[in-house]
Amino acid sequence: MPTPSLCGAGAQVFTQGIGNAVFGTSDLATDLSLGAAWGINLAGAEYAIRRHGSQRTVNRRTIRASTKVGS
């Protein structure tokens, strides 16, 4: 399931395109745009982990099978 973020390189293309249009093509603008993409992806990943983390359940059959491994 994809995260709510723009998923990896797509976020970099998105933020760099906007950054170049607004701030020009300097090295600083490029670096800040790529950093913004990292932030977007990190926020999306954290949201997905925390949202799905509370809904996880463990099947009793899985617990029994994992306790017998190596016996």
PDB file of N, CA and C in Angstrom:
ATOM      1  N   MET A   1       0.845  -1.169   0.000  1.00  0.00           N
ATOM      2  CA  MET A   1       0.000   0.000   0.000  1.00  0.00           C
ATOM      3  C   MET A   1       0.898   1.243   0.000  1.00  0.00           C
ATOM      4  N   PRO A   2       0.727   2.152  -0.939  1.00  0.00           N
ATOM      5  CA  PRO A   2       1.554   3.354  -0.973  1.00  0.00           C
ATOM      6  C   PRO A   2       1.250   4.271   0.197  1.00  0.00           C
ATOM      7  N   THR A   3       2.275   4.974   0.620  1.00  0.00           N
ATOM      8  CA  THR A   3       2.087   5.914   1.717  1.00  0.00           C
ATOM      9  C   THR A   3       1.389   7.168   1.208  1.00  0.00           C
ATOM     10  N   PRO A   4       0.844   7.968   2.102  1.00  0.00           N
ATOM     11  CA  PRO A   4       0.173   9.196   1.676  1.00  0.00           C
ATOM     12  C   PRO A   4       1.133  10.231   1.088  1.00  0.00           C
ATOM     13  N   SER A   5       2.426  10.030   1.255  1.00  0.00           N
ATOM     14  CA  SER A   5       3.381  10.976   0.672  1.00  0.00           C
ATOM     15  C   SER A   5       3.441  10.765  -0.836  1.00  0.00           C
ATOM     16  N   LEU A   6       4.293  11.487  -1.493  1.00  0.00           N
ATOM     17  CA  LEU A   6       4.404  11.365  -2.943  1.00  0.00           C
ATOM     18  C   LEU A   6       5.324  10.223  -3.369  1.00  0.00           C
ATOM     19  N   CYS A   7       5.791   9.439  -2.437  1.00  0.00           N
ATOM     20  CA  CYS A   7       6.545   8.214  -2.689  1.00  0.00           C
ATOM     21  C   CYS A   7       7.889   8.439  -3.381  1.00  0.00           C
ATOM     22  N   GLY A   8       8.886   8.724  -2.617  1.00  0.00           N
ATOM     23  CA  GLY A   8      10.266   8.727  -3.084  1.00  0.00           C
ATOM     24  C   GLY A   8      10.628   9.797  -4.074  1.00  0.00           C
ATOM     25  N   ALA A   9      11.105   9.364  -5.230  1.00  0.00           N
ATOM     26  CA  ALA A   9      11.617  10.285  -6.242  1.00  0.00           C
ATOM     27  C   ALA A   9      10.529  11.211  -6.785  1.00  0.00           C
ATOM     28  N   GLY A  10       9.298  10.803  -6.717  1.00  0.00           N
ATOM     29  CA  GLY A  10       8.201  11.660  -7.165  1.00  0.00           C
ATOM     30  C   GLY A  10       8.115  12.940  -6.340  1.00  0.00           C
ATOM     31  N   ALA A  11       8.381  12.828  -5.059  1.00  0.00           N
ATOM     32  CA  ALA A  11       8.369  14.017  -4.198  1.00  0.00           C
ATOM     33  C   ALA A  11       9.525  14.942  -4.558  1.00  0.00           C
ATOM     34  N   GLN A  12      10.675  14.382  -4.889  1.00  0.00           N
ATOM     35  CA  GLN A  12      11.822  15.204  -5.261  1.00  0.00           C
ATOM     36  C   GLN A  12      11.559  15.968  -6.552  1.00  0.00           C
ATOM     37  N   VAL A  13      10.965  15.317  -7.521  1.00  0.00           N
ATOM     38  CA  VAL A  13      10.639  15.995  -8.777  1.00  0.00           C
ATOM     39  C   VAL A  13       9.635  17.111  -8.525  1.00  0.00           C
ATOM     40  N   PHE A  14       8.647  16.824  -7.712  1.00  0.00           N
ATOM     41  CA  PHE A  14       7.607  17.805  -7.387  1.00  0.00           C
ATOM     42  C   PHE A  14       8.194  19.024  -6.684  1.00  0.00           C
ATOM     43  N   THR A  15       8.955  18.806  -5.607  1.00  0.00           N
ATOM     44  CA  THR A  15       9.486  19.932  -4.840  1.00  0.00           C
ATOM     45  C   THR A  15      10.574  20.677  -5.600  1.00  0.00           C
ATOM     46  N   GLN A  16      11.381  19.970  -6.386  1.00  0.00           N
ATOM     47  CA  GLN A  16      12.429  20.650  -7.139  1.00  0.00           C
ATOM     48  C   GLN A  16      11.830  21.500  -8.258  1.00  0.00           C
ATOM     49  N   GLY A  17      10.786  21.020  -8.875  1.00  0.00           N
ATOM     50  CA  GLY A  17      10.125  21.807  -9.920  1.00  0.00           C
ATOM     51  C   GLY A  17       9.542  23.098  -9.365  1.00  0.00           C
ATOM     52  N   ILE A  18       8.875  22.989  -8.229  1.00  0.00           N
ATOM     53  CA  ILE A  18       8.321  24.190  -7.608  1.00  0.00           C
ATOM     54  C   ILE A  18       9.440  25.092  -7.107  1.00  0.00           C
ATOM     55  N   GLY A  19      10.462  24.509  -6.496  1.00  0.00           N
ATOM     56  CA  GLY A  19      11.580  25.302  -5.982  1.00  0.00           C
ATOM     57  C   GLY A  19      12.300  26.059  -7.079  1.00  0.00           C
ATOM     58  N   ASN A  20      12.529  25.411  -8.211  1.00  0.00           N
ATOM     59  CA  ASN A  20      13.191  26.089  -9.336  1.00  0.00           C
ATOM     60  C   ASN A  20      12.319  27.202  -9.903  1.00  0.00           C
ATOM     61  N   ALA A  21      11.021  26.982  -9.944  1.00  0.00           N
ATOM     62  CA  ALA A  21      10.125  28.008 -10.479  1.00  0.00           C
ATOM     63  C   ALA A  21      10.043  29.222  -9.558  1.00  0.00           C
ATOM     64  N   VAL A  22      10.071  28.987  -8.259  1.00  0.00           N
ATOM     65  CA  VAL A  22       9.902  30.078  -7.305  1.00  0.00           C
ATOM     66  C   VAL A  22      11.228  30.757  -6.972  1.00  0.00           C
ATOM     67  N   PHE A  23      12.286  29.958  -6.723  1.00  0.00           N
ATOM     68  CA  PHE A  23      13.541  30.507  -6.206  1.00  0.00           C
ATOM     69  C   PHE A  23      14.688  30.508  -7.210  1.00  0.00           C
ATOM     70  N   GLY A  24      14.502  29.970  -8.389  1.00  0.00           N
ATOM     71  CA  GLY A  24      15.588  29.905  -9.366  1.00  0.00           C
ATOM     72  C   GLY A  24      16.328  28.580  -9.280  1.00  0.00           C
ATOM     73  N   THR A  25      17.443  28.489  -9.998  1.00  0.00           N
ATOM     74  CA  THR A  25      18.164  27.216 -10.106  1.00  0.00           C
ATOM     75  C   THR A  25      19.500  27.230  -9.368  1.00  0.00           C
ATOM     76  N   SER A  26      19.598  27.941  -8.271  1.00  0.00           N
ATOM     77  CA  SER A  26      20.848  27.970  -7.512  1.00  0.00           C
ATOM     78  C   SER A  26      21.035  26.650  -6.753  1.00  0.00           C
ATOM     79  N   ASP A  27      22.250  26.413  -6.295  1.00  0.00           N
ATOM     80  CA  ASP A  27      22.537  25.196  -5.533  1.00  0.00           C
ATOM     81  C   ASP A  27      21.748  25.168  -4.223  1.00  0.00           C
ATOM     82  N   LEU A  28      21.634  26.314  -3.580  1.00  0.00           N
ATOM     83  CA  LEU A  28      20.894  26.380  -2.321  1.00  0.00           C
ATOM     84  C   LEU A  28      19.423  26.039  -2.532  1.00  0.00           C
ATOM     85  N   ALA A  29      18.817  26.573  -3.573  1.00  0.00           N
ATOM     86  CA  ALA A  29      17.409  26.289  -3.854  1.00  0.00           C
ATOM     87  C   ALA A  29      17.201  24.807  -4.149  1.00  0.00           C
ATOM     88  N   THR A  30      18.129  24.219  -4.891  1.00  0.00           N
ATOM     89  CA  THR A  30      18.028  22.791  -5.197  1.00  0.00           C
ATOM     90  C   THR A  30      18.149  21.956  -3.932  1.00  0.00           C
ATOM     91  N   ASP A  31      19.114  22.283  -3.083  1.00  0.00           N
ATOM     92  CA  ASP A  31      19.303  21.530  -1.842  1.00  0.00           C
ATOM     93  C   ASP A  31      18.100  21.654  -0.916  1.00  0.00           C
ATOM     94  N   LEU A  32      17.545  22.840  -0.808  1.00  0.00           N
ATOM     95  CA  LEU A  32      16.367  23.032   0.039  1.00  0.00           C
ATOM     96  C   LEU A  32      15.150  22.289  -0.519  1.00  0.00           C
ATOM     97  N   SER A  33      15.022  22.261  -1.829  1.00  0.00           N
ATOM     98  CA  SER A  33      13.909  21.542  -2.455  1.00  0.00           C
ATOM     99  C   SER A  33      14.019  20.042  -2.205  1.00  0.00           C
ATOM    100  N   LEU A  34      15.222  19.507  -2.321  1.00  0.00           N
ATOM    101  CA  LEU A  34      15.418  18.075  -2.072  1.00  0.00           C
ATOM    102  C   LEU A  34      15.215  17.752  -0.596  1.00  0.00           C
ATOM    103  N   GLY A  35      15.624  18.650   0.277  1.00  0.00           N
ATOM    104  CA  GLY A  35      15.380  18.459   1.704  1.00  0.00           C
ATOM    105  C   GLY A  35      13.900  18.482   2.041  1.00  0.00           C
ATOM    106  N   ALA A  36      13.162  19.335   1.367  1.00  0.00           N
ATOM    107  CA  ALA A  36      11.715  19.382   1.576  1.00  0.00           C
ATOM    108  C   ALA A  36      11.063  18.066   1.156  1.00  0.00           C
ATOM    109  N   ALA A  37      11.563  17.474   0.080  1.00  0.00           N
ATOM    110  CA  ALA A  37      11.025  16.182  -0.365  1.00  0.00           C
ATOM    111  C   ALA A  37      11.284  15.098   0.677  1.00  0.00           C
ATOM    112  N   TRP A  38      12.466  15.100   1.271  1.00  0.00           N
ATOM    113  CA  TRP A  38      12.763  14.143   2.343  1.00  0.00           C
ATOM    114  C   TRP A  38      11.792  14.329   3.497  1.00  0.00           C
ATOM    115  N   GLY A  39      11.519  15.575   3.853  1.00  0.00           N
ATOM    116  CA  GLY A  39      10.584  15.852   4.940  1.00  0.00           C
ATOM    117  C   GLY A  39       9.176  15.369   4.639  1.00  0.00           C
ATOM    118  N   ILE A  40       8.729  15.577   3.409  1.00  0.00           N
ATOM    119  CA  ILE A  40       7.398  15.112   3.007  1.00  0.00           C
ATOM    120  C   ILE A  40       7.317  13.591   3.096  1.00  0.00           C
ATOM    121  N   ASN A  41       8.336  12.904   2.590  1.00  0.00           N
ATOM    122  CA  ASN A  41       8.338  11.440   2.622  1.00  0.00           C
ATOM    123  C   ASN A  41       8.431  10.910   4.049  1.00  0.00           C
ATOM    124  N   LEU A  42       9.223  11.558   4.881  1.00  0.00           N
ATOM    125  CA  LEU A  42       9.331  11.134   6.275  1.00  0.00           C
ATOM    126  C   LEU A  42       8.003  11.304   6.998  1.00  0.00           C
ATOM    127  N   ALA A  43       7.348  12.432   6.793  1.00  0.00           N
ATOM    128  CA  ALA A  43       6.050  12.664   7.426  1.00  0.00           C
ATOM    129  C   ALA A  43       5.006  11.655   6.942  1.00  0.00           C
ATOM    130  N   GLY A  44       5.005  11.354   5.668  1.00  0.00           N
ATOM    131  CA  GLY A  44       4.060  10.374   5.134  1.00  0.00           C
ATOM    132  C   GLY A  44       4.310   8.978   5.662  1.00  0.00           C
ATOM    133  N   ALA A  45       5.582   8.601   5.768  1.00  0.00           N
ATOM    134  CA  ALA A  45       5.916   7.274   6.289  1.00  0.00           C
ATOM    135  C   ALA A  45       5.543   7.158   7.765  1.00  0.00           C
ATOM    136  N   GLU A  46       5.844   8.187   8.545  1.00  0.00           N
ATOM    137  CA  GLU A  46       5.477   8.164   9.967  1.00  0.00           C
ATOM    138  C   GLU A  46       3.966   8.088  10.133  1.00  0.00           C
ATOM    139  N   TYR A  47       3.235   8.806   9.324  1.00  0.00           N
ATOM    140  CA  TYR A  47       1.778   8.766   9.387  1.00  0.00           C
ATOM    141  C   TYR A  47       1.269   7.354   9.076  1.00  0.00           C
ATOM    142  N   ALA A  48       1.815   6.751   8.032  1.00  0.00           N
ATOM    143  CA  ALA A  48       1.364   5.411   7.644  1.00  0.00           C
ATOM    144  C   ALA A  48       1.707   4.376   8.710  1.00  0.00           C
ATOM    145  N   ILE A  49       2.877   4.486   9.304  1.00  0.00           N
ATOM    146  CA  ILE A  49       3.275   3.531  10.340  1.00  0.00           C
ATOM    147  C   ILE A  49       2.379   3.669  11.560  1.00  0.00           C
ATOM    148  N   ARG A  50       2.168   4.886  11.992  1.00  0.00           N
ATOM    149  CA  ARG A  50       1.371   5.096  13.201  1.00  0.00           C
ATOM    150  C   ARG A  50      -0.110   4.799  12.972  1.00  0.00           C
ATOM    151  N   ARG A  51      -0.620   5.073  11.782  1.00  0.00           N
ATOM    152  CA  ARG A  51      -2.032   4.823  11.490  1.00  0.00           C
ATOM    153  C   ARG A  51      -2.304   3.328  11.456  1.00  0.00           C
ATOM    154  N   HIS A  52      -1.444   2.564  10.819  1.00  0.00           N
ATOM    155  CA  HIS A  52      -1.655   1.124  10.692  1.00  0.00           C
ATOM    156  C   HIS A  52      -1.165   0.356  11.914  1.00  0.00           C
ATOM    157  N   GLY A  53      -0.293   0.941  12.706  1.00  0.00           N
ATOM    158  CA  GLY A  53       0.254   0.253  13.867  1.00  0.00           C
ATOM    159  C   GLY A  53      -0.780  -0.077  14.914  1.00  0.00           C
ATOM    160  N   SER A  54      -1.748   0.787  15.120  1.00  0.00           N
ATOM    161  CA  SER A  54      -2.750   0.547  16.143  1.00  0.00           C
ATOM    162  C   SER A  54      -3.816  -0.446  15.684  1.00  0.00           C
ATOM    163  N   GLN A  55      -3.879  -0.763  14.412  1.00  0.00           N
ATOM    164  CA  GLN A  55      -4.898  -1.662  13.885  1.00  0.00           C
ATOM    165  C   GLN A  55      -4.393  -3.091  13.721  1.00  0.00           C
ATOM    166  N   ARG A  56      -3.129  -3.330  14.045  1.00  0.00           N
ATOM    167  CA  ARG A  56      -2.575  -4.672  13.865  1.00  0.00           C
ATOM    168  C   ARG A  56      -3.110  -5.615  14.935  1.00  0.00           C
ATOM    169  N   THR A  57      -3.457  -6.815  14.514  1.00  0.00           N
ATOM    170  CA  THR A  57      -3.865  -7.855  15.436  1.00  0.00           C
ATOM    171  C   THR A  57      -3.046  -9.097  15.130  1.00  0.00           C
ATOM    172  N   VAL A  58      -2.858  -9.909  16.127  1.00  0.00           N
ATOM    173  CA  VAL A  58      -2.097 -11.142  15.952  1.00  0.00           C
ATOM    174  C   VAL A  58      -3.070 -12.300  16.084  1.00  0.00           C
ATOM    175  N   ASN A  59      -3.046 -13.169  15.104  1.00  0.00           N
ATOM    176  CA  ASN A  59      -3.905 -14.335  15.082  1.00  0.00           C
ATOM    177  C   ASN A  59      -3.381 -15.362  16.086  1.00  0.00           C
ATOM    178  N   ARG A  60      -4.254 -15.996  16.851  1.00  0.00           N
ATOM    179  CA  ARG A  60      -3.817 -16.994  17.836  1.00  0.00           C
ATOM    180  C   ARG A  60      -3.086 -18.147  17.167  1.00  0.00           C
ATOM    181  N   ARG A  61      -3.492 -18.523  15.974  1.00  0.00           N
ATOM    182  CA  ARG A  61      -2.828 -19.605  15.258  1.00  0.00           C
ATOM    183  C   ARG A  61      -1.375 -19.234  14.956  1.00  0.00           C
ATOM    184  N   THR A  62      -1.124 -17.977  14.631  1.00  0.00           N
ATOM    185  CA  THR A  62       0.230 -17.510  14.366  1.00  0.00           C
ATOM    186  C   THR A  62       1.072 -17.579  15.634  1.00  0.00           C
ATOM    187  N   ILE A  63       0.509 -17.213  16.754  1.00  0.00           N
ATOM    188  CA  ILE A  63       1.256 -17.257  18.018  1.00  0.00           C
ATOM    189  C   ILE A  63       1.628 -18.698  18.356  1.00  0.00           C
ATOM    190  N   ARG A  64       0.705 -19.622  18.238  1.00  0.00           N
ATOM    191  CA  ARG A  64       0.995 -21.032  18.537  1.00  0.00           C
ATOM    192  C   ARG A  64       2.060 -21.585  17.602  1.00  0.00           C
ATOM    193  N   ALA A  65       1.996 -21.250  16.332  1.00  0.00           N
ATOM    194  CA  ALA A  65       2.977 -21.761  15.372  1.00  0.00           C
ATOM    195  C   ALA A  65       4.364 -21.204  15.667  1.00  0.00           C
ATOM    196  N   SER A  66       4.452 -19.946  16.073  1.00  0.00           N
ATOM    197  CA  SER A  66       5.765 -19.349  16.303  1.00  0.00           C
ATOM    198  C   SER A  66       6.390 -19.858  17.605  1.00  0.00           C
ATOM    199  N   THR A  67       5.590 -20.307  18.561  1.00  0.00           N
ATOM    200  CA  THR A  67       6.173 -20.823  19.811  1.00  0.00           C
ATOM    201  C   THR A  67       6.749 -22.222  19.633  1.00  0.00           C
ATOM    202  N   LYS A  68       6.298 -22.975  18.629  1.00  0.00           N
ATOM    203  CA  LYS A  68       6.785 -24.322  18.414  1.00  0.00           C
ATOM    204  C   LYS A  68       8.021 -24.392  17.531  1.00  0.00           C
ATOM    205  N   VAL A  69       8.401 -23.272  16.929  1.00  0.00           N
ATOM    206  CA  VAL A  69       9.557 -23.267  16.034  1.00  0.00           C
ATOM    207  C   VAL A  69      10.816 -23.524  16.842  1.00  0.00           C
ATOM    208  N   GLY A  70      11.623 -24.455  16.399  1.00  0.00           N
ATOM    209  CA  GLY A  70      12.897 -24.752  17.060  1.00  0.00           C
ATOM    210  C   GLY A  70      12.769 -25.735  18.206  1.00  0.00           C
ATOM    211  N   SER A  71      11.590 -26.265  18.492  1.00  0.00           N
ATOM    212  CA  SER A  71      11.423 -27.211  19.586  1.00  0.00           C
ATOM    213  C   SER A  71      11.680 -28.626  19.131  1.00  0.00           C
TER     214      SER A  71
END
